Amino acid sequence: MDPIAEARPVRSGVPDADAIRALRVDAASRTARVLAHELANYFGSMRTMLYLLAEELGPDPGAREDLDVVVRTVDNGTRLVEALRRFAHAPSLGAGPSDLNTVLREAEPAMRTALPPGRALAIDLWHGPLPVLCDAAQLRQLGLDLVAGARRAPSGGGRIRVETGPAPDLPDGRPAALLAVHDDAPGLEPEAAARIFEPYVFDDGHDAGLRLPTIYASVVRSGGAIGADSTPDGGTTIRVSLPLAPARAQAAAR
């Protein structure tokens, strides 16, 4: 069963915020799956009709410009459908093992390209290997998504810092490695910060606010843990704990 769907909102008679969040994300994921399917049908039909209409239009430049506006609108809707699909079917990070530091070091040029305009990137990697139970491609995408989802600073400047290191053991007792991304742009107000991994809350022009919920779902489904701190003055820090590979797998990875 999906680890997200297995969450329970009450443990020992006390409401558990993480479990409540997991249930909300799971419910939103089910809704997104239905919406993506229905919207894809609508936009597919619209795209076909636009293609036929383009063939019938005469040389009138005004009509062509109007058609281009509709085409761009349909393209935006299609991107929303893809974001809904990715959220509804958030991929596992795989089995690995892959060294977290090696993957991030190789992904650094792509992460710099993914930065919001005017932002700088600082990377501080742990001095030793961190073999985690994740596939390299999925781990690379995780790093890119965390950096690309950073907020746009009002001044156009600021820095995003990526760090790795040991993490506290996961709730099931397994050792873990930490991937932390700190964005010093103004963060969220307390009410929004408490719901940072829920859909449509952290919307700053990135996939209708679905990027962080998709990351959350992928991490949880991979046996990891994820948390965040965000304040208007202190910026936002996302902390991802990923299970370390067992000693035998670590030796094989070398």
C-alpha atoms as a PDB file:
ATOM      1  CA  MET A   1       0.000   0.000   0.000  1.00  0.00           C
ATOM      2  CA  ASP A   2       1.102   3.561  -0.693  1.00  0.00           C
ATOM      3  CA  PRO A   3       2.983   4.921   2.365  1.00  0.00           C
ATOM      4  CA  ILE A   4       1.066   8.192   2.072  1.00  0.00           C
ATOM      5  CA  ALA A   5      -2.312   6.471   2.109  1.00  0.00           C
ATOM      6  CA  GLU A   6      -1.244   4.392   5.136  1.00  0.00           C
ATOM      7  CA  ALA A   7      -0.898   7.492   7.334  1.00  0.00           C
ATOM      8  CA  ARG A   8      -3.332   7.893  10.230  1.00  0.00           C
ATOM      9  CA  PRO A   9      -4.390  11.313  11.578  1.00  0.00           C
ATOM     10  CA  VAL A  10      -4.295  10.292  15.257  1.00  0.00           C
ATOM     11  CA  ARG A  11      -1.593   8.423  17.116  1.00  0.00           C
ATOM     12  CA  SER A  12      -2.042   7.567  20.809  1.00  0.00           C
ATOM     13  CA  GLY A  13      -5.060   9.881  20.913  1.00  0.00           C
ATOM     14  CA  VAL A  14      -3.016  12.927  19.838  1.00  0.00           C
ATOM     15  CA  PRO A  15      -3.478  14.536  16.404  1.00  0.00           C
ATOM     16  CA  ASP A  16      -0.304  14.090  14.344  1.00  0.00           C
ATOM     17  CA  ALA A  17       0.425  17.007  11.987  1.00  0.00           C
ATOM     18  CA  ASP A  18       2.564  14.879   9.656  1.00  0.00           C
ATOM     19  CA  ALA A  19      -0.126  12.206   9.372  1.00  0.00           C
ATOM     20  CA  ILE A  20      -2.844  14.806   8.737  1.00  0.00           C
ATOM     21  CA  ARG A  21      -0.676  16.374   6.036  1.00  0.00           C
ATOM     22  CA  ALA A  22      -0.115  12.963   4.474  1.00  0.00           C
ATOM     23  CA  LEU A  23      -3.840  12.294   4.314  1.00  0.00           C
ATOM     24  CA  ARG A  24      -4.492  15.691   2.747  1.00  0.00           C
ATOM     25  CA  VAL A  25      -1.814  15.123   0.121  1.00  0.00           C
ATOM     26  CA  ASP A  26      -3.184  11.678  -0.631  1.00  0.00           C
ATOM     27  CA  ALA A  27      -6.723  13.059  -1.084  1.00  0.00           C
ATOM     28  CA  ALA A  28      -5.435  15.863  -3.306  1.00  0.00           C
ATOM     29  CA  SER A  29      -3.426  13.338  -5.332  1.00  0.00           C
ATOM     30  CA  ARG A  30      -6.539  11.271  -6.026  1.00  0.00           C
ATOM     31  CA  THR A  31      -8.411  14.396  -7.131  1.00  0.00           C
ATOM     32  CA  ALA A  32      -5.505  15.500  -9.337  1.00  0.00           C
ATOM     33  CA  ARG A  33      -5.532  12.106 -11.073  1.00  0.00           C
ATOM     34  CA  VAL A  34      -9.179  12.546 -12.082  1.00  0.00           C
ATOM     35  CA  LEU A  35      -8.763  16.193 -13.084  1.00  0.00           C
ATOM     36  CA  ALA A  36      -5.704  15.469 -15.209  1.00  0.00           C
ATOM     37  CA  HIS A  37      -7.569  12.774 -17.126  1.00  0.00           C
ATOM     38  CA  GLU A  38     -10.622  14.948 -17.802  1.00  0.00           C
ATOM     39  CA  LEU A  39      -8.688  18.117 -18.638  1.00  0.00           C
ATOM     40  CA  ALA A  40      -6.390  16.221 -20.990  1.00  0.00           C
ATOM     41  CA  ASN A  41      -9.426  15.160 -23.012  1.00  0.00           C
ATOM     42  CA  TYR A  42     -10.705  18.734 -23.248  1.00  0.00           C
ATOM     43  CA  PHE A  43      -7.359  20.251 -24.200  1.00  0.00           C
ATOM     44  CA  GLY A  44      -6.707  17.463 -26.707  1.00  0.00           C
ATOM     45  CA  SER A  45      -9.980  18.231 -28.481  1.00  0.00           C
ATOM     46  CA  MET A  46      -9.245  21.957 -28.434  1.00  0.00           C
ATOM     47  CA  ARG A  47      -5.790  21.420 -29.918  1.00  0.00           C
ATOM     48  CA  THR A  48      -7.256  19.357 -32.770  1.00  0.00           C
ATOM     49  CA  MET A  49      -9.844  22.035 -33.558  1.00  0.00           C
ATOM     50  CA  LEU A  50      -7.223  24.767 -33.455  1.00  0.00           C
ATOM     51  CA  TYR A  51      -5.088  22.819 -35.911  1.00  0.00           C
ATOM     52  CA  LEU A  52      -8.047  22.544 -38.320  1.00  0.00           C
ATOM     53  CA  LEU A  53      -8.944  26.199 -37.837  1.00  0.00           C
ATOM     54  CA  ALA A  54      -5.390  27.299 -38.625  1.00  0.00           C
ATOM     55  CA  GLU A  55      -5.635  25.571 -42.000  1.00  0.00           C
ATOM     56  CA  GLU A  56      -8.868  27.417 -42.822  1.00  0.00           C
ATOM     57  CA  LEU A  57      -7.751  30.893 -41.787  1.00  0.00           C
ATOM     58  CA  GLY A  58      -6.941  33.342 -44.503  1.00  0.00           C
ATOM     59  CA  PRO A  59      -4.027  35.754 -44.531  1.00  0.00           C
ATOM     60  CA  ASP A  60      -5.683  38.092 -42.007  1.00  0.00           C
ATOM     61  CA  PRO A  61      -2.876  38.854 -39.507  1.00  0.00           C
ATOM     62  CA  GLY A  62      -5.351  39.898 -36.827  1.00  0.00           C
ATOM     63  CA  ALA A  63      -7.082  36.513 -36.927  1.00  0.00           C
ATOM     64  CA  ARG A  64      -3.705  34.762 -36.760  1.00  0.00           C
ATOM     65  CA  GLU A  65      -2.722  36.773 -33.694  1.00  0.00           C
ATOM     66  CA  ASP A  66      -5.996  35.897 -31.979  1.00  0.00           C
ATOM     67  CA  LEU A  67      -5.457  32.238 -32.794  1.00  0.00           C
ATOM     68  CA  ASP A  68      -1.931  32.391 -31.363  1.00  0.00           C
ATOM     69  CA  VAL A  69      -3.347  33.690 -28.072  1.00  0.00           C
ATOM     70  CA  VAL A  70      -5.716  30.724 -27.863  1.00  0.00           C
ATOM     71  CA  VAL A  71      -2.894  28.297 -28.744  1.00  0.00           C
ATOM     72  CA  ARG A  72      -0.703  29.715 -25.972  1.00  0.00           C
ATOM     73  CA  THR A  73      -3.583  29.404 -23.519  1.00  0.00           C
ATOM     74  CA  VAL A  74      -4.084  25.756 -24.457  1.00  0.00           C
ATOM     75  CA  ASP A  75      -0.326  25.171 -24.085  1.00  0.00           C
ATOM     76  CA  ASN A  76      -0.466  26.624 -20.556  1.00  0.00           C
ATOM     77  CA  GLY A  77      -3.406  24.370 -19.756  1.00  0.00           C
ATOM     78  CA  THR A  78      -1.492  21.364 -21.067  1.00  0.00           C
ATOM     79  CA  ARG A  79       1.451  22.195 -18.785  1.00  0.00           C
ATOM     80  CA  LEU A  80      -0.962  22.319 -15.853  1.00  0.00           C
ATOM     81  CA  VAL A  81      -2.258  18.864 -16.832  1.00  0.00           C
ATOM     82  CA  GLU A  82       1.314  17.526 -16.828  1.00  0.00           C
ATOM     83  CA  ALA A  83       1.913  19.031 -13.377  1.00  0.00           C
ATOM     84  CA  LEU A  84      -1.280  17.381 -12.111  1.00  0.00           C
ATOM     85  CA  ARG A  85      -0.210  14.042 -13.589  1.00  0.00           C
ATOM     86  CA  ARG A  86       3.236  14.219 -12.031  1.00  0.00           C
ATOM     87  CA  PHE A  87       1.725  15.063  -8.650  1.00  0.00           C
ATOM     88  CA  ALA A  88      -0.885  12.300  -8.916  1.00  0.00           C
ATOM     89  CA  HIS A  89       1.768   9.746  -9.911  1.00  0.00           C
ATOM     90  CA  ALA A  90       4.751  11.099  -7.988  1.00  0.00           C
ATOM     91  CA  PRO A  91       7.638   8.752  -8.810  1.00  0.00           C
ATOM     92  CA  SER A  92       9.641   6.858  -6.239  1.00  0.00           C
ATOM     93  CA  LEU A  93      13.268   7.932  -5.980  1.00  0.00           C
ATOM     94  CA  GLY A  94      14.327   4.385  -6.821  1.00  0.00           C
ATOM     95  CA  ALA A  95      16.484   1.846  -5.033  1.00  0.00           C
ATOM     96  CA  GLY A  96      20.063   2.950  -5.740  1.00  0.00           C
ATOM     97  CA  PRO A  97      22.486   3.103  -4.151  1.00  0.00           C
ATOM     98  CA  SER A  98      23.826   6.423  -5.421  1.00  0.00           C
ATOM     99  CA  ASP A  99      26.240   8.798  -3.738  1.00  0.00           C
ATOM    100  CA  LEU A 100      24.325  11.969  -2.895  1.00  0.00           C
ATOM    101  CA  ASN A 101      27.400  14.201  -3.141  1.00  0.00           C
ATOM    102  CA  THR A 102      28.501  12.833  -6.511  1.00  0.00           C
ATOM    103  CA  VAL A 103      25.048  13.289  -8.042  1.00  0.00           C
ATOM    104  CA  LEU A 104      24.711  16.873  -6.791  1.00  0.00           C
ATOM    105  CA  ARG A 105      28.236  17.772  -7.876  1.00  0.00           C
ATOM    106  CA  GLU A 106      27.497  16.527 -11.397  1.00  0.00           C
ATOM    107  CA  ALA A 107      24.119  18.308 -11.407  1.00  0.00           C
ATOM    108  CA  GLU A 108      25.546  21.660 -10.296  1.00  0.00           C
ATOM    109  CA  PRO A 109      25.664  23.233 -13.815  1.00  0.00           C
ATOM    110  CA  ALA A 110      22.035  22.246 -14.434  1.00  0.00           C
ATOM    111  CA  MET A 111      21.002  23.583 -11.014  1.00  0.00           C
ATOM    112  CA  ARG A 112      22.619  26.930 -11.787  1.00  0.00           C
ATOM    113  CA  THR A 113      20.686  27.068 -15.050  1.00  0.00           C
ATOM    114  CA  ALA A 114      17.446  26.306 -13.169  1.00  0.00           C
ATOM    115  CA  LEU A 115      17.891  29.215 -10.730  1.00  0.00           C
ATOM    116  CA  PRO A 116      15.316  32.023 -10.738  1.00  0.00           C
ATOM    117  CA  PRO A 117      16.697  35.191 -12.414  1.00  0.00           C
ATOM    118  CA  GLY A 118      19.318  37.030 -10.378  1.00  0.00           C
ATOM    119  CA  ARG A 119      19.773  34.303  -7.756  1.00  0.00           C
ATOM    120  CA  ALA A 120      23.151  32.840  -6.759  1.00  0.00           C
ATOM    121  CA  LEU A 121      23.858  29.224  -5.802  1.00  0.00           C
ATOM    122  CA  ALA A 122      26.146  27.959  -3.035  1.00  0.00           C
ATOM    123  CA  ILE A 123      26.833  24.238  -2.573  1.00  0.00           C
ATOM    124  CA  ASP A 124      28.297  22.822   0.645  1.00  0.00           C
ATOM    125  CA  LEU A 125      28.754  19.057   0.374  1.00  0.00           C
ATOM    126  CA  TRP A 126      29.640  16.682   3.227  1.00  0.00           C
ATOM    127  CA  HIS A 127      33.304  15.649   3.219  1.00  0.00           C
ATOM    128  CA  GLY A 128      32.552  11.919   3.028  1.00  0.00           C
ATOM    129  CA  PRO A 129      30.433   9.684   0.791  1.00  0.00           C
ATOM    130  CA  LEU A 130      26.664   9.519   1.373  1.00  0.00           C
ATOM    131  CA  PRO A 131      25.353   6.438  -0.498  1.00  0.00           C
ATOM    132  CA  VAL A 132      21.556   6.680  -0.396  1.00  0.00           C
ATOM    133  CA  LEU A 133      18.840   4.292  -1.566  1.00  0.00           C
ATOM    134  CA  CYS A 134      17.901   6.396  -4.598  1.00  0.00           C
ATOM    135  CA  ASP A 135      18.579   6.130  -8.313  1.00  0.00           C
ATOM    136  CA  ALA A 136      20.993   8.758  -9.605  1.00  0.00           C
ATOM    137  CA  ALA A 137      18.549  10.135 -12.212  1.00  0.00           C
ATOM    138  CA  GLN A 138      15.750  10.565  -9.671  1.00  0.00           C
ATOM    139  CA  LEU A 139      18.152  12.048  -7.127  1.00  0.00           C
ATOM    140  CA  ARG A 140      19.374  14.546  -9.708  1.00  0.00           C
ATOM    141  CA  GLN A 141      15.777  15.531 -10.508  1.00  0.00           C
ATOM    142  CA  LEU A 142      15.076  15.996  -6.809  1.00  0.00           C
ATOM    143  CA  GLY A 143      17.962  18.444  -6.500  1.00  0.00           C
ATOM    144  CA  LEU A 144      16.868  20.329  -9.616  1.00  0.00           C
ATOM    145  CA  ASP A 145      13.259  20.559  -8.425  1.00  0.00           C
ATOM    146  CA  LEU A 146      14.274  21.867  -5.010  1.00  0.00           C
ATOM    147  CA  VAL A 147      16.441  24.579  -6.555  1.00  0.00           C
ATOM    148  CA  ALA A 148      14.019  25.453  -9.359  1.00  0.00           C
ATOM    149  CA  GLY A 149      11.174  25.792  -6.867  1.00  0.00           C
ATOM    150  CA  ALA A 150      12.919  28.570  -4.952  1.00  0.00           C
ATOM    151  CA  ARG A 151      10.939  31.763  -4.589  1.00  0.00           C
ATOM    152  CA  ARG A 152      11.680  34.826  -6.696  1.00  0.00           C
ATOM    153  CA  ALA A 153      13.284  37.465  -4.492  1.00  0.00           C
ATOM    154  CA  PRO A 154      11.628  40.903  -4.789  1.00  0.00           C
ATOM    155  CA  SER A 155      15.059  42.453  -5.368  1.00  0.00           C
ATOM    156  CA  GLY A 156      15.994  39.826  -7.961  1.00  0.00           C
ATOM    157  CA  GLY A 157      19.032  38.845  -5.869  1.00  0.00           C
ATOM    158  CA  GLY A 158      19.762  36.595  -2.929  1.00  0.00           C
ATOM    159  CA  ARG A 159      21.232  33.132  -2.594  1.00  0.00           C
ATOM    160  CA  ILE A 160      20.131  29.529  -2.524  1.00  0.00           C
ATOM    161  CA  ARG A 161      22.347  27.198  -0.477  1.00  0.00           C
ATOM    162  CA  VAL A 162      22.447  23.425  -0.971  1.00  0.00           C
ATOM    163  CA  GLU A 163      23.949  21.330   1.839  1.00  0.00           C
ATOM    164  CA  THR A 164      24.434  17.629   2.513  1.00  0.00           C
ATOM    165  CA  GLY A 165      25.464  15.703   5.601  1.00  0.00           C
ATOM    166  CA  PRO A 166      24.389  13.052   8.106  1.00  0.00           C
ATOM    167  CA  ALA A 167      20.777  13.240   9.297  1.00  0.00           C
ATOM    168  CA  PRO A 168      19.025  11.904  12.399  1.00  0.00           C
ATOM    169  CA  ASP A 169      17.732   8.355  11.997  1.00  0.00           C
ATOM    170  CA  LEU A 170      14.434   7.972  10.189  1.00  0.00           C
ATOM    171  CA  PRO A 171      11.298   7.107  12.227  1.00  0.00           C
ATOM    172  CA  ASP A 172      11.834   3.402  11.445  1.00  0.00           C
ATOM    173  CA  GLY A 173      15.364   3.566  12.875  1.00  0.00           C
ATOM    174  CA  ARG A 174      17.286   3.498   9.605  1.00  0.00           C
ATOM    175  CA  PRO A 175      20.299   5.814   9.246  1.00  0.00           C
ATOM    176  CA  ALA A 176      19.816   8.706   6.852  1.00  0.00           C
ATOM    177  CA  ALA A 177      21.590  11.379   4.852  1.00  0.00           C
ATOM    178  CA  LEU A 178      20.449  14.999   4.733  1.00  0.00           C
ATOM    179  CA  LEU A 179      19.818  17.128   1.654  1.00  0.00           C
ATOM    180  CA  ALA A 180      18.925  20.678   2.723  1.00  0.00           C
ATOM    181  CA  VAL A 181      18.108  23.625   0.476  1.00  0.00           C
ATOM    182  CA  HIS A 182      17.896  27.099   2.028  1.00  0.00           C
ATOM    183  CA  ASP A 183      16.384  29.989   0.098  1.00  0.00           C
ATOM    184  CA  ASP A 184      16.995  33.405   1.659  1.00  0.00           C
ATOM    185  CA  ALA A 185      14.171  35.121  -0.248  1.00  0.00           C
ATOM    186  CA  PRO A 186      11.236  36.158   1.990  1.00  0.00           C
ATOM    187  CA  GLY A 187       9.379  33.047   3.111  1.00  0.00           C
ATOM    188  CA  LEU A 188       5.790  32.306   4.032  1.00  0.00           C
ATOM    189  CA  GLU A 189       3.507  33.598   6.745  1.00  0.00           C
ATOM    190  CA  PRO A 190       2.939  31.068   9.571  1.00  0.00           C
ATOM    191  CA  GLU A 191      -0.456  29.847   8.351  1.00  0.00           C
ATOM    192  CA  ALA A 192       0.857  29.121   4.852  1.00  0.00           C
ATOM    193  CA  ALA A 193       4.169  27.728   6.170  1.00  0.00           C
ATOM    194  CA  ALA A 194       2.315  25.056   8.143  1.00  0.00           C
ATOM    195  CA  ARG A 195       0.789  23.826   4.856  1.00  0.00           C
ATOM    196  CA  ILE A 196       3.870  24.171   2.679  1.00  0.00           C
ATOM    197  CA  PHE A 197       3.658  20.632   1.262  1.00  0.00           C
ATOM    198  CA  GLU A 198      -0.041  20.835   0.457  1.00  0.00           C
ATOM    199  CA  PRO A 199      -1.086  21.603  -3.131  1.00  0.00           C
ATOM    200  CA  TYR A 200      -1.679  25.193  -4.293  1.00  0.00           C
ATOM    201  CA  VAL A 201      -0.298  26.823  -1.108  1.00  0.00           C
ATOM    202  CA  PHE A 202       3.312  27.569  -2.094  1.00  0.00           C
ATOM    203  CA  ASP A 203       2.316  28.857  -5.548  1.00  0.00           C
ATOM    204  CA  ASP A 204       4.872  31.326  -6.896  1.00  0.00           C
ATOM    205  CA  GLY A 205       4.338  30.594 -10.579  1.00  0.00           C
ATOM    206  CA  HIS A 206       5.777  27.069 -10.377  1.00  0.00           C
ATOM    207  CA  ASP A 207       3.329  24.410 -11.595  1.00  0.00           C
ATOM    208  CA  ALA A 208       0.323  25.854  -9.733  1.00  0.00           C
ATOM    209  CA  GLY A 209       1.925  25.133  -6.378  1.00  0.00           C
ATOM    210  CA  LEU A 210       2.393  21.422  -7.102  1.00  0.00           C
ATOM    211  CA  ARG A 211       6.193  21.214  -7.126  1.00  0.00           C
ATOM    212  CA  LEU A 212       6.702  20.846  -3.358  1.00  0.00           C
ATOM    213  CA  PRO A 213       3.728  18.477  -2.879  1.00  0.00           C
ATOM    214  CA  THR A 214       5.168  16.287  -5.653  1.00  0.00           C
ATOM    215  CA  ILE A 215       8.577  16.284  -3.951  1.00  0.00           C
ATOM    216  CA  TYR A 216       6.897  15.423  -0.643  1.00  0.00           C
ATOM    217  CA  ALA A 217       5.040  12.478  -2.163  1.00  0.00           C
ATOM    218  CA  SER A 218       8.164  11.128  -3.890  1.00  0.00           C
ATOM    219  CA  VAL A 219      10.273  11.331  -0.723  1.00  0.00           C
ATOM    220  CA  VAL A 220       7.643   9.657   1.486  1.00  0.00           C
ATOM    221  CA  ARG A 221       7.027   6.908  -1.073  1.00  0.00           C
ATOM    222  CA  SER A 222      10.773   6.255  -1.093  1.00  0.00           C
ATOM    223  CA  GLY A 223      10.966   5.708   2.656  1.00  0.00           C
ATOM    224  CA  GLY A 224      12.472   9.105   3.412  1.00  0.00           C
ATOM    225  CA  ALA A 225      11.282  12.090   5.438  1.00  0.00           C
ATOM    226  CA  ILE A 226      10.874  15.756   4.584  1.00  0.00           C
ATOM    227  CA  GLY A 227      10.324  18.911   6.602  1.00  0.00           C
ATOM    228  CA  ALA A 228      10.458  22.652   6.163  1.00  0.00           C
ATOM    229  CA  ASP A 229      10.876  25.946   8.018  1.00  0.00           C
ATOM    230  CA  SER A 230       9.671  29.170   6.433  1.00  0.00           C
ATOM    231  CA  THR A 231       9.295  32.703   7.784  1.00  0.00           C
ATOM    232  CA  PRO A 232       8.934  36.079   6.052  1.00  0.00           C
ATOM    233  CA  ASP A 233      12.249  37.289   7.510  1.00  0.00           C
ATOM    234  CA  GLY A 234      14.238  34.049   7.659  1.00  0.00           C
ATOM    235  CA  GLY A 235      13.554  32.563   4.244  1.00  0.00           C
ATOM    236  CA  THR A 236      12.707  28.923   3.594  1.00  0.00           C
ATOM    237  CA  THR A 237      14.642  25.744   4.327  1.00  0.00           C
ATOM    238  CA  ILE A 238      13.582  22.354   2.956  1.00  0.00           C
ATOM    239  CA  ARG A 239      15.216  19.344   4.660  1.00  0.00           C
ATOM    240  CA  VAL A 240      15.052  15.929   3.004  1.00  0.00           C
ATOM    241  CA  SER A 241      16.247  12.825   4.881  1.00  0.00           C
ATOM    242  CA  LEU A 242      17.063   9.918   2.573  1.00  0.00           C
ATOM    243  CA  PRO A 243      17.757   6.357   3.779  1.00  0.00           C
ATOM    244  CA  LEU A 244      21.395   5.388   3.627  1.00  0.00           C
ATOM    245  CA  ALA A 245      22.294   2.164   1.817  1.00  0.00           C
ATOM    246  CA  PRO A 246      23.178  -0.851   4.014  1.00  0.00           C
ATOM    247  CA  ALA A 247      26.884  -1.513   4.471  1.00  0.00           C
ATOM    248  CA  ARG A 248      26.894  -4.365   1.926  1.00  0.00           C
ATOM    249  CA  ALA A 249      25.297  -2.150  -0.751  1.00  0.00           C
ATOM    250  CA  GLN A 250      27.688   0.661   0.077  1.00  0.00           C
ATOM    251  CA  ALA A 251      30.663  -1.651  -0.455  1.00  0.00           C
ATOM    252  CA  ALA A 252      29.230  -2.812  -3.784  1.00  0.00           C
ATOM    253  CA  ALA A 253      28.704   0.794  -4.875  1.00  0.00           C
ATOM    254  CA  ARG A 254      32.395   1.500  -4.428  1.00  0.00           C
END
